Amino acid sequence: MPTTDHDRTHEALSPEECLFLLGTTTVGRVAYTEGALPAIRPVSFALRDQEVLIPALAGSRFLEAFRGSVVAFEADDYDAEKRTGWVVSVVGTAHVLDAPAEPPSPDLVVVAVRLGIVQGWRTSLPT
């Protein structure tokens, strides 16, 4: 957001509020380059220690697009009926970690996206 709705209020969010909102949801989208073309994929995620953590299968070709690459991550919450909500985006360098699984799983790794540029918007009803 902001949306193109001219009958709504749009406000930029502080970095602190962006991080708070990211902590309230567990599904987002990651944008990356695959074969020199843009790609976007819905993913589950967690926020920890200035990184967005995205679980992935160890053998996935999805991982090759993330090793040392700059990617974008986005999460949001939107009420379609009221046309209100928020969006937070993160741009940062990605790297692949071994997954801290309990019990350990050799099939799972984690893509970590460092919090570089963090920005967000809220769209609400006018007051």
C-alpha atoms as a PDB file:
ATOM      1  CA  MET A   1       0.000   0.000   0.000  1.00  0.00           C
ATOM      2  CA  PRO A   2      -0.846   2.881  -0.185  1.00  0.00           C
ATOM      3  CA  THR A   3      -3.722   1.874  -2.379  1.00  0.00           C
ATOM      4  CA  THR A   4      -5.112   4.029  -5.135  1.00  0.00           C
ATOM      5  CA  ASP A   5      -8.229   4.654  -3.039  1.00  0.00           C
ATOM      6  CA  HIS A   6      -8.485   8.422  -2.689  1.00  0.00           C
ATOM      7  CA  ASP A   7     -11.124   8.117   0.031  1.00  0.00           C
ATOM      8  CA  ARG A   8      -8.672   6.478   2.455  1.00  0.00           C
ATOM      9  CA  THR A   9      -5.903   7.849   4.676  1.00  0.00           C
ATOM     10  CA  HIS A  10      -2.369   6.625   3.897  1.00  0.00           C
ATOM     11  CA  GLU A  11       0.456   6.917   6.383  1.00  0.00           C
ATOM     12  CA  ALA A  12       4.069   5.778   6.379  1.00  0.00           C
ATOM     13  CA  LEU A  13       4.999   3.459   9.248  1.00  0.00           C
ATOM     14  CA  SER A  14       8.090   3.787  11.432  1.00  0.00           C
ATOM     15  CA  PRO A  15      10.691   1.007  11.247  1.00  0.00           C
ATOM     16  CA  GLU A  16       9.706  -0.050  14.780  1.00  0.00           C
ATOM     17  CA  GLU A  17       6.045  -0.368  13.850  1.00  0.00           C
ATOM     18  CA  CYS A  18       7.001  -2.278  10.693  1.00  0.00           C
ATOM     19  CA  LEU A  19       8.911  -4.849  12.774  1.00  0.00           C
ATOM     20  CA  PHE A  20       6.028  -5.118  15.236  1.00  0.00           C
ATOM     21  CA  LEU A  21       3.558  -5.787  12.406  1.00  0.00           C
ATOM     22  CA  LEU A  22       5.854  -8.379  10.806  1.00  0.00           C
ATOM     23  CA  GLY A  23       5.735 -10.208  14.131  1.00  0.00           C
ATOM     24  CA  THR A  24       1.931 -10.463  13.950  1.00  0.00           C
ATOM     25  CA  THR A  25       1.750 -12.674  10.858  1.00  0.00           C
ATOM     26  CA  THR A  26       3.497 -15.779   9.543  1.00  0.00           C
ATOM     27  CA  VAL A  27       2.892 -15.679   5.777  1.00  0.00           C
ATOM     28  CA  GLY A  28       4.418 -13.275   3.271  1.00  0.00           C
ATOM     29  CA  ARG A  29       5.915 -13.142  -0.205  1.00  0.00           C
ATOM     30  CA  VAL A  30       9.525 -13.152  -1.300  1.00  0.00           C
ATOM     31  CA  ALA A  31      10.610 -11.539  -4.580  1.00  0.00           C
ATOM     32  CA  TYR A  32      13.832 -12.699  -6.189  1.00  0.00           C
ATOM     33  CA  THR A  33      15.476 -13.221  -9.554  1.00  0.00           C
ATOM     34  CA  GLU A  34      15.247 -16.634 -11.214  1.00  0.00           C
ATOM     35  CA  GLY A  35      16.832 -17.151 -14.610  1.00  0.00           C
ATOM     36  CA  ALA A  36      17.256 -13.367 -15.040  1.00  0.00           C
ATOM     37  CA  LEU A  37      13.500 -12.862 -14.547  1.00  0.00           C
ATOM     38  CA  PRO A  38      11.591 -11.564 -11.514  1.00  0.00           C
ATOM     39  CA  ALA A  39       9.777 -14.177  -9.436  1.00  0.00           C
ATOM     40  CA  ILE A  40       7.501 -13.923  -6.404  1.00  0.00           C
ATOM     41  CA  ARG A  41       6.636 -16.797  -4.105  1.00  0.00           C
ATOM     42  CA  PRO A  42       4.355 -17.001  -1.059  1.00  0.00           C
ATOM     43  CA  VAL A  43       6.261 -18.295   1.978  1.00  0.00           C
ATOM     44  CA  SER A  44       5.878 -18.914   5.676  1.00  0.00           C
ATOM     45  CA  PHE A  45       8.358 -16.967   7.785  1.00  0.00           C
ATOM     46  CA  ALA A  46       9.494 -15.906  11.230  1.00  0.00           C
ATOM     47  CA  LEU A  47      11.283 -12.759  12.348  1.00  0.00           C
ATOM     48  CA  ARG A  48      14.411 -13.196  14.484  1.00  0.00           C
ATOM     49  CA  ASP A  49      17.506 -11.124  15.272  1.00  0.00           C
ATOM     50  CA  GLN A  50      17.181  -8.599  12.431  1.00  0.00           C
ATOM     51  CA  GLU A  51      16.421 -11.308   9.854  1.00  0.00           C
ATOM     52  CA  VAL A  52      13.369 -12.721   8.118  1.00  0.00           C
ATOM     53  CA  LEU A  53      13.681 -16.532   8.271  1.00  0.00           C
ATOM     54  CA  ILE A  54      12.051 -18.593   5.516  1.00  0.00           C
ATOM     55  CA  PRO A  55      12.061 -22.427   5.703  1.00  0.00           C
ATOM     56  CA  ALA A  56      12.881 -24.297   2.484  1.00  0.00           C
ATOM     57  CA  LEU A  57      13.664 -27.814   1.309  1.00  0.00           C
ATOM     58  CA  ALA A  58      17.394 -28.470   1.132  1.00  0.00           C
ATOM     59  CA  GLY A  59      17.421 -29.673  -2.480  1.00  0.00           C
ATOM     60  CA  SER A  60      15.168 -26.959  -3.879  1.00  0.00           C
ATOM     61  CA  ARG A  61      16.385 -24.974  -6.898  1.00  0.00           C
ATOM     62  CA  PHE A  62      14.637 -22.078  -5.145  1.00  0.00           C
ATOM     63  CA  LEU A  63      17.721 -21.867  -2.880  1.00  0.00           C
ATOM     64  CA  GLU A  64      20.183 -21.060  -5.654  1.00  0.00           C
ATOM     65  CA  ALA A  65      18.418 -17.752  -6.261  1.00  0.00           C
ATOM     66  CA  PHE A  66      19.108 -16.688  -2.667  1.00  0.00           C
ATOM     67  CA  ARG A  67      22.788 -17.336  -2.061  1.00  0.00           C
ATOM     68  CA  GLY A  68      24.201 -13.844  -1.530  1.00  0.00           C
ATOM     69  CA  SER A  69      21.437 -12.190  -3.569  1.00  0.00           C
ATOM     70  CA  VAL A  70      19.476  -9.073  -2.744  1.00  0.00           C
ATOM     71  CA  VAL A  71      15.797  -9.981  -2.402  1.00  0.00           C
ATOM     72  CA  ALA A  72      12.588  -8.286  -1.347  1.00  0.00           C
ATOM     73  CA  PHE A  73      10.159  -9.637   1.224  1.00  0.00           C
ATOM     74  CA  GLU A  74       6.631  -8.390   1.854  1.00  0.00           C
ATOM     75  CA  ALA A  75       3.897  -9.172   4.357  1.00  0.00           C
ATOM     76  CA  ASP A  76       0.545  -7.489   4.803  1.00  0.00           C
ATOM     77  CA  ASP A  77      -2.904  -7.605   6.294  1.00  0.00           C
ATOM     78  CA  TYR A  78      -5.793  -6.158   4.330  1.00  0.00           C
ATOM     79  CA  ASP A  79      -9.547  -5.969   4.944  1.00  0.00           C
ATOM     80  CA  ALA A  80     -11.052  -6.110   1.450  1.00  0.00           C
ATOM     81  CA  GLU A  81     -14.500  -5.012   2.615  1.00  0.00           C
ATOM     82  CA  LYS A  82     -13.272  -1.864   4.403  1.00  0.00           C
ATOM     83  CA  ARG A  83     -10.280  -1.416   2.055  1.00  0.00           C
ATOM     84  CA  THR A  84      -7.972  -0.854   5.010  1.00  0.00           C
ATOM     85  CA  GLY A  85      -4.800  -2.545   6.187  1.00  0.00           C
ATOM     86  CA  TRP A  86      -1.022  -2.399   6.220  1.00  0.00           C
ATOM     87  CA  VAL A  87       1.950  -3.583   4.214  1.00  0.00           C
ATOM     88  CA  VAL A  88       5.602  -3.941   5.229  1.00  0.00           C
ATOM     89  CA  SER A  89       8.460  -4.580   2.834  1.00  0.00           C
ATOM     90  CA  VAL A  90      12.051  -5.554   3.519  1.00  0.00           C
ATOM     91  CA  VAL A  91      14.938  -5.407   1.059  1.00  0.00           C
ATOM     92  CA  GLY A  92      18.111  -7.179   2.101  1.00  0.00           C
ATOM     93  CA  THR A  93      20.803  -9.708   1.355  1.00  0.00           C
ATOM     94  CA  ALA A  94      19.780 -13.366   1.576  1.00  0.00           C
ATOM     95  CA  HIS A  95      21.863 -16.314   2.711  1.00  0.00           C
ATOM     96  CA  VAL A  96      21.095 -19.973   3.406  1.00  0.00           C
ATOM     97  CA  LEU A  97      21.435 -21.480   6.903  1.00  0.00           C
ATOM     98  CA  ASP A  98      21.132 -25.024   8.189  1.00  0.00           C
ATOM     99  CA  ALA A  99      17.666 -25.336   9.708  1.00  0.00           C
ATOM    100  CA  PRO A 100      17.448 -25.410  13.481  1.00  0.00           C
ATOM    101  CA  ALA A 101      14.802 -28.155  13.511  1.00  0.00           C
ATOM    102  CA  GLU A 102      13.614 -30.195  16.479  1.00  0.00           C
ATOM    103  CA  PRO A 103      14.258 -33.018  15.844  1.00  0.00           C
ATOM    104  CA  PRO A 104      16.961 -32.083  13.322  1.00  0.00           C
ATOM    105  CA  SER A 105      15.885 -32.557   9.721  1.00  0.00           C
ATOM    106  CA  PRO A 106      18.487 -32.937   6.959  1.00  0.00           C
ATOM    107  CA  ASP A 107      15.808 -31.978   4.396  1.00  0.00           C
ATOM    108  CA  LEU A 108      15.164 -28.505   5.795  1.00  0.00           C
ATOM    109  CA  VAL A 109      17.219 -25.308   5.563  1.00  0.00           C
ATOM    110  CA  VAL A 110      16.409 -21.677   6.267  1.00  0.00           C
ATOM    111  CA  VAL A 111      16.768 -18.698   3.949  1.00  0.00           C
ATOM    112  CA  ALA A 112      17.679 -15.679   6.074  1.00  0.00           C
ATOM    113  CA  VAL A 113      17.016 -12.201   4.690  1.00  0.00           C
ATOM    114  CA  ARG A 114      18.882  -9.478   6.573  1.00  0.00           C
ATOM    115  CA  LEU A 115      16.785  -6.440   7.400  1.00  0.00           C
ATOM    116  CA  GLY A 116      18.206  -3.744   5.134  1.00  0.00           C
ATOM    117  CA  ILE A 117      15.573  -1.325   3.926  1.00  0.00           C
ATOM    118  CA  VAL A 118      12.408  -1.674   6.023  1.00  0.00           C
ATOM    119  CA  GLN A 119       9.367   0.379   5.105  1.00  0.00           C
ATOM    120  CA  GLY A 120       5.617   0.179   5.450  1.00  0.00           C
ATOM    121  CA  TRP A 121       2.289   1.857   4.909  1.00  0.00           C
ATOM    122  CA  ARG A 122      -1.076   1.812   6.634  1.00  0.00           C
ATOM    123  CA  THR A 123      -4.321   2.544   4.803  1.00  0.00           C
ATOM    124  CA  SER A 124      -7.243   3.453   7.034  1.00  0.00           C
ATOM    125  CA  LEU A 125     -10.629   5.135   7.024  1.00  0.00           C
ATOM    126  CA  PRO A 126     -10.449   8.927   7.232  1.00  0.00           C
ATOM    127  CA  THR A 127     -11.045  10.396  10.667  1.00  0.00           C
END
